[in-house]
Amino acid sequence: MRECPKCGYLDEPYWRHVRFRIFTDCCRLEDFATMFPDLAKRIVTEINIAHKNYIYHYVKKATMVQRIHITDSLDGKSWREPEQEKALANRFFVPNQTKLAVHL
């Protein structure tokens, strides 16, 4: 669960982090339908939806919805993460790092 340091907004408890991904969160489709009923109907057919500040992606096999913030996505339009930063983060060295915090 995430909390905004400025306004104190708490993210819904349904969202959890995706394994092996840095900026992506996921939740079950049933939980997504309780939060956003209109988007849940659309996402089953459209697979990818950009809504407000997030890009949502539906994974059919797992029946889960993944989300990524537009500023964290690869190009601001797709749900992919920046691969370069993600790959280099495992080595604990990222030149010109912009988003990741290095813990040594």
N, C-alpha and C. Protein backbone atom coordinates (compact mmCIF):
# COMPACT_ATOMS: atom_id res chain seq x y z
N MET A 1 0.85 -1.16 0.00
CA MET A 1 0.00 0.00 0.00
C MET A 1 0.90 1.24 0.00
N ARG A 2 0.54 2.20 -0.81
CA ARG A 2 1.34 3.40 -0.94
C ARG A 2 0.62 4.59 -0.33
N GLU A 3 1.41 5.52 0.20
CA GLU A 3 0.86 6.73 0.79
C GLU A 3 1.56 7.94 0.18
N CYS A 4 0.78 8.92 -0.19
CA CYS A 4 1.35 10.15 -0.74
C CYS A 4 1.94 10.98 0.40
N PRO A 5 3.21 11.38 0.30
CA PRO A 5 3.81 12.15 1.39
C PRO A 5 3.27 13.57 1.50
N LYS A 6 2.69 14.09 0.42
CA LYS A 6 2.20 15.47 0.44
C LYS A 6 0.78 15.57 1.00
N CYS A 7 -0.14 14.76 0.44
CA CYS A 7 -1.54 14.89 0.84
C CYS A 7 -2.01 13.78 1.78
N GLY A 8 -1.23 12.69 1.91
CA GLY A 8 -1.60 11.61 2.81
C GLY A 8 -2.58 10.61 2.22
N TYR A 9 -2.82 10.68 0.91
CA TYR A 9 -3.74 9.73 0.27
C TYR A 9 -3.18 8.31 0.36
N LEU A 10 -4.01 7.39 0.82
CA LEU A 10 -3.62 5.99 0.89
C LEU A 10 -4.18 5.24 -0.30
N ASP A 11 -3.35 4.47 -0.96
CA ASP A 11 -3.78 3.66 -2.08
C ASP A 11 -4.66 2.52 -1.58
N GLU A 12 -5.54 2.02 -2.43
CA GLU A 12 -6.41 0.91 -2.05
C GLU A 12 -5.58 -0.29 -1.64
N PRO A 13 -6.04 -1.07 -0.65
CA PRO A 13 -5.25 -2.24 -0.20
C PRO A 13 -5.25 -3.40 -1.19
N TYR A 14 -6.04 -3.31 -2.25
CA TYR A 14 -6.09 -4.40 -3.23
C TYR A 14 -4.81 -4.45 -4.07
N TRP A 15 -4.19 -3.32 -4.26
CA TRP A 15 -3.00 -3.26 -5.11
C TRP A 15 -1.80 -3.83 -4.39
N ARG A 16 -1.04 -4.68 -5.07
CA ARG A 16 0.21 -5.21 -4.53
C ARG A 16 1.27 -5.16 -5.63
N HIS A 17 2.51 -5.31 -5.24
CA HIS A 17 3.60 -5.20 -6.19
C HIS A 17 3.71 -6.48 -7.03
N VAL A 18 4.15 -6.31 -8.26
CA VAL A 18 4.37 -7.44 -9.15
C VAL A 18 5.80 -7.94 -8.93
N ARG A 19 5.94 -9.24 -8.84
CA ARG A 19 7.27 -9.83 -8.64
C ARG A 19 8.14 -9.56 -9.86
N PHE A 20 9.37 -9.22 -9.64
CA PHE A 20 10.37 -8.95 -10.67
C PHE A 20 10.10 -7.68 -11.47
N ARG A 21 9.25 -6.81 -10.98
CA ARG A 21 9.00 -5.53 -11.64
C ARG A 21 9.10 -4.44 -10.60
N ILE A 22 9.57 -3.29 -11.01
CA ILE A 22 9.85 -2.22 -10.05
C ILE A 22 8.68 -1.26 -9.91
N PHE A 23 8.10 -0.84 -11.01
CA PHE A 23 7.08 0.21 -10.98
C PHE A 23 5.66 -0.30 -11.17
N THR A 24 5.45 -1.59 -11.34
CA THR A 24 4.13 -2.13 -11.69
C THR A 24 3.44 -2.70 -10.47
N ASP A 25 2.14 -2.40 -10.34
CA ASP A 25 1.28 -2.97 -9.31
C ASP A 25 0.24 -3.85 -9.98
N CYS A 26 -0.37 -4.76 -9.20
CA CYS A 26 -1.41 -5.61 -9.77
C CYS A 26 -2.50 -5.85 -8.73
N CYS A 27 -3.67 -6.25 -9.21
CA CYS A 27 -4.76 -6.68 -8.34
C CYS A 27 -5.63 -7.65 -9.13
N ARG A 28 -6.46 -8.38 -8.43
CA ARG A 28 -7.35 -9.34 -9.09
C ARG A 28 -8.43 -8.58 -9.84
N LEU A 29 -8.97 -9.21 -10.87
CA LEU A 29 -10.00 -8.56 -11.68
C LEU A 29 -11.26 -8.27 -10.85
N GLU A 30 -11.61 -9.16 -9.92
CA GLU A 30 -12.79 -8.94 -9.07
C GLU A 30 -12.63 -7.71 -8.20
N ASP A 31 -11.43 -7.53 -7.66
CA ASP A 31 -11.17 -6.35 -6.84
C ASP A 31 -11.15 -5.08 -7.68
N PHE A 32 -10.61 -5.18 -8.89
CA PHE A 32 -10.60 -4.04 -9.81
C PHE A 32 -12.03 -3.63 -10.16
N ALA A 33 -12.91 -4.63 -10.30
CA ALA A 33 -14.31 -4.34 -10.63
C ALA A 33 -15.03 -3.63 -9.49
N THR A 34 -14.64 -3.87 -8.26
CA THR A 34 -15.26 -3.14 -7.14
C THR A 34 -14.79 -1.70 -7.10
N MET A 35 -13.53 -1.44 -7.50
CA MET A 35 -13.02 -0.07 -7.48
C MET A 35 -13.48 0.73 -8.69
N PHE A 36 -13.40 0.10 -9.88
CA PHE A 36 -13.74 0.77 -11.14
C PHE A 36 -14.67 -0.11 -11.96
N PRO A 37 -15.96 -0.10 -11.71
CA PRO A 37 -16.88 -1.00 -12.44
C PRO A 37 -16.92 -0.74 -13.95
N ASP A 38 -16.87 0.51 -14.35
CA ASP A 38 -16.93 0.82 -15.79
C ASP A 38 -15.65 0.39 -16.51
N LEU A 39 -14.51 0.65 -15.88
CA LEU A 39 -13.25 0.25 -16.50
C LEU A 39 -13.10 -1.27 -16.55
N ALA A 40 -13.65 -1.97 -15.57
CA ALA A 40 -13.53 -3.43 -15.54
C ALA A 40 -14.25 -4.06 -16.73
N LYS A 41 -15.37 -3.49 -17.12
CA LYS A 41 -16.09 -4.01 -18.29
C LYS A 41 -15.30 -3.75 -19.57
N ARG A 42 -14.67 -2.58 -19.65
CA ARG A 42 -13.91 -2.23 -20.85
C ARG A 42 -12.60 -3.00 -20.96
N ILE A 43 -11.94 -3.24 -19.83
CA ILE A 43 -10.59 -3.81 -19.88
C ILE A 43 -10.58 -5.25 -20.34
N VAL A 44 -11.67 -5.97 -20.14
CA VAL A 44 -11.72 -7.37 -20.58
C VAL A 44 -11.67 -7.45 -22.10
N THR A 45 -12.24 -6.49 -22.78
CA THR A 45 -12.24 -6.52 -24.25
C THR A 45 -11.09 -5.72 -24.85
N GLU A 46 -10.71 -4.61 -24.22
CA GLU A 46 -9.68 -3.74 -24.80
C GLU A 46 -8.27 -4.08 -24.36
N ILE A 47 -8.08 -4.82 -23.29
CA ILE A 47 -6.81 -5.26 -22.72
C ILE A 47 -5.98 -4.10 -22.14
N ASN A 48 -5.73 -3.04 -22.89
CA ASN A 48 -4.95 -1.90 -22.40
C ASN A 48 -5.81 -0.65 -22.37
N ILE A 49 -5.81 0.05 -21.22
CA ILE A 49 -6.59 1.27 -21.08
C ILE A 49 -5.74 2.31 -20.36
N ALA A 50 -5.69 3.50 -20.90
CA ALA A 50 -5.06 4.63 -20.21
C ALA A 50 -6.17 5.45 -19.58
N HIS A 51 -6.11 5.57 -18.26
CA HIS A 51 -7.15 6.29 -17.52
C HIS A 51 -6.49 7.19 -16.49
N LYS A 52 -6.75 8.47 -16.57
CA LYS A 52 -6.15 9.48 -15.70
C LYS A 52 -4.63 9.37 -15.75
N ASN A 53 -3.99 9.04 -14.65
CA ASN A 53 -2.52 9.00 -14.62
C ASN A 53 -1.94 7.61 -14.73
N TYR A 54 -2.77 6.60 -14.95
CA TYR A 54 -2.29 5.22 -14.99
C TYR A 54 -2.62 4.53 -16.31
N ILE A 55 -1.81 3.55 -16.63
CA ILE A 55 -2.07 2.67 -17.77
C ILE A 55 -2.37 1.30 -17.18
N TYR A 56 -3.54 0.74 -17.52
CA TYR A 56 -3.97 -0.54 -17.00
C TYR A 56 -3.83 -1.60 -18.09
N HIS A 57 -3.40 -2.80 -17.68
CA HIS A 57 -3.22 -3.91 -18.61
C HIS A 57 -3.86 -5.16 -17.99
N TYR A 58 -4.68 -5.85 -18.76
CA TYR A 58 -5.37 -7.05 -18.27
C TYR A 58 -4.61 -8.29 -18.70
N VAL A 59 -4.29 -9.16 -17.74
CA VAL A 59 -3.61 -10.43 -18.01
C VAL A 59 -4.67 -11.52 -17.93
N LYS A 60 -5.01 -12.11 -19.09
CA LYS A 60 -6.12 -13.06 -19.14
C LYS A 60 -5.86 -14.34 -18.36
N LYS A 61 -4.68 -14.91 -18.49
CA LYS A 61 -4.40 -16.20 -17.84
C LYS A 61 -4.46 -16.09 -16.32
N ALA A 62 -4.01 -15.00 -15.78
CA ALA A 62 -3.99 -14.84 -14.33
C ALA A 62 -5.23 -14.12 -13.81
N THR A 63 -6.07 -13.63 -14.70
CA THR A 63 -7.24 -12.80 -14.37
C THR A 63 -6.86 -11.69 -13.38
N MET A 64 -5.82 -10.97 -13.74
CA MET A 64 -5.38 -9.85 -12.92
C MET A 64 -5.19 -8.61 -13.79
N VAL A 65 -5.23 -7.48 -13.15
CA VAL A 65 -5.03 -6.20 -13.81
C VAL A 65 -3.74 -5.60 -13.28
N GLN A 66 -2.87 -5.20 -14.20
CA GLN A 66 -1.62 -4.54 -13.82
C GLN A 66 -1.75 -3.06 -14.13
N ARG A 67 -1.10 -2.24 -13.32
CA ARG A 67 -1.11 -0.80 -13.58
C ARG A 67 0.29 -0.24 -13.42
N ILE A 68 0.55 0.80 -14.18
CA ILE A 68 1.81 1.52 -14.08
C ILE A 68 1.50 3.00 -14.30
N HIS A 69 2.16 3.85 -13.56
CA HIS A 69 1.96 5.29 -13.72
C HIS A 69 2.55 5.72 -15.06
N ILE A 70 1.95 6.69 -15.68
CA ILE A 70 2.37 7.13 -17.00
C ILE A 70 3.83 7.60 -17.00
N THR A 71 4.24 8.27 -15.95
CA THR A 71 5.62 8.76 -15.89
C THR A 71 6.63 7.64 -15.68
N ASP A 72 6.19 6.49 -15.18
CA ASP A 72 7.09 5.36 -14.95
C ASP A 72 7.15 4.40 -16.13
N SER A 73 6.25 4.55 -17.10
CA SER A 73 6.23 3.63 -18.23
C SER A 73 7.36 3.94 -19.20
N LEU A 74 7.59 3.02 -20.11
CA LEU A 74 8.70 3.13 -21.04
C LEU A 74 8.60 4.37 -21.92
N ASP A 75 7.41 4.60 -22.48
CA ASP A 75 7.25 5.73 -23.38
C ASP A 75 6.06 6.63 -23.04
N GLY A 76 5.40 6.37 -21.94
CA GLY A 76 4.23 7.17 -21.55
C GLY A 76 2.95 6.70 -22.19
N LYS A 77 3.01 5.67 -23.04
CA LYS A 77 1.82 5.16 -23.72
C LYS A 77 1.61 3.67 -23.51
N SER A 78 2.68 2.93 -23.24
CA SER A 78 2.55 1.49 -23.07
C SER A 78 2.71 1.13 -21.59
N TRP A 79 2.36 -0.09 -21.24
CA TRP A 79 2.45 -0.53 -19.86
C TRP A 79 3.81 -1.15 -19.54
N ARG A 80 4.74 -1.08 -20.45
CA ARG A 80 6.08 -1.63 -20.25
C ARG A 80 6.94 -0.71 -19.38
N GLU A 81 7.85 -1.31 -18.62
CA GLU A 81 8.78 -0.56 -17.79
C GLU A 81 10.06 -0.25 -18.57
N PRO A 82 10.80 0.76 -18.14
CA PRO A 82 12.09 1.01 -18.78
C PRO A 82 13.04 -0.16 -18.52
N GLU A 83 13.36 -0.89 -19.55
CA GLU A 83 14.15 -2.11 -19.41
C GLU A 83 15.57 -1.83 -18.97
N GLN A 84 16.14 -0.73 -19.42
CA GLN A 84 17.53 -0.45 -19.09
C GLN A 84 17.71 -0.25 -17.58
N GLU A 85 16.89 0.58 -16.98
CA GLU A 85 17.00 0.79 -15.55
C GLU A 85 16.69 -0.47 -14.77
N LYS A 86 15.70 -1.23 -15.22
CA LYS A 86 15.32 -2.45 -14.52
C LYS A 86 16.45 -3.47 -14.54
N ALA A 87 17.11 -3.63 -15.68
CA ALA A 87 18.19 -4.61 -15.80
C ALA A 87 19.41 -4.19 -14.99
N LEU A 88 19.73 -2.91 -15.00
CA LEU A 88 20.91 -2.44 -14.29
C LEU A 88 20.69 -2.35 -12.78
N ALA A 89 19.44 -2.31 -12.34
CA ALA A 89 19.16 -2.20 -10.92
C ALA A 89 19.60 -3.45 -10.17
N ASN A 90 19.63 -4.59 -10.84
CA ASN A 90 20.06 -5.83 -10.20
C ASN A 90 21.56 -5.82 -9.92
N ARG A 91 22.30 -5.00 -10.60
CA ARG A 91 23.75 -4.92 -10.42
C ARG A 91 24.15 -3.83 -9.43
N PHE A 92 23.17 -3.07 -8.93
CA PHE A 92 23.38 -1.99 -7.98
C PHE A 92 24.22 -0.84 -8.54
N PHE A 93 24.26 -0.70 -9.84
CA PHE A 93 24.95 0.42 -10.45
C PHE A 93 24.14 0.91 -11.64
N VAL A 94 23.65 2.12 -11.55
CA VAL A 94 22.87 2.69 -12.63
C VAL A 94 23.42 4.08 -12.92
N PRO A 95 24.11 4.27 -14.04
CA PRO A 95 24.59 5.61 -14.37
C PRO A 95 23.43 6.52 -14.76
N ASN A 96 23.47 7.76 -14.32
CA ASN A 96 22.41 8.73 -14.59
C ASN A 96 21.05 8.23 -14.15
N GLN A 97 21.01 7.64 -12.98
CA GLN A 97 19.78 7.05 -12.46
C GLN A 97 18.77 8.16 -12.14
N THR A 98 17.50 7.91 -12.50
CA THR A 98 16.48 8.91 -12.30
C THR A 98 15.42 8.49 -11.28
N LYS A 99 15.06 7.22 -11.20
CA LYS A 99 13.93 6.82 -10.37
C LYS A 99 14.27 5.83 -9.27
N LEU A 100 15.25 5.00 -9.46
CA LEU A 100 15.51 3.93 -8.52
C LEU A 100 16.43 4.39 -7.40
N ALA A 101 16.19 3.91 -6.20
CA ALA A 101 17.08 4.20 -5.08
C ALA A 101 18.02 3.02 -4.90
N VAL A 102 19.29 3.29 -4.78
CA VAL A 102 20.29 2.24 -4.64
C VAL A 102 20.53 2.02 -3.15
N HIS A 103 20.36 0.78 -2.72
CA HIS A 103 20.62 0.41 -1.32
C HIS A 103 21.83 -0.50 -1.29
N LEU A 104 22.88 -0.07 -0.66
CA LEU A 104 24.10 -0.88 -0.58
C LEU A 104 24.21 -1.53 0.78
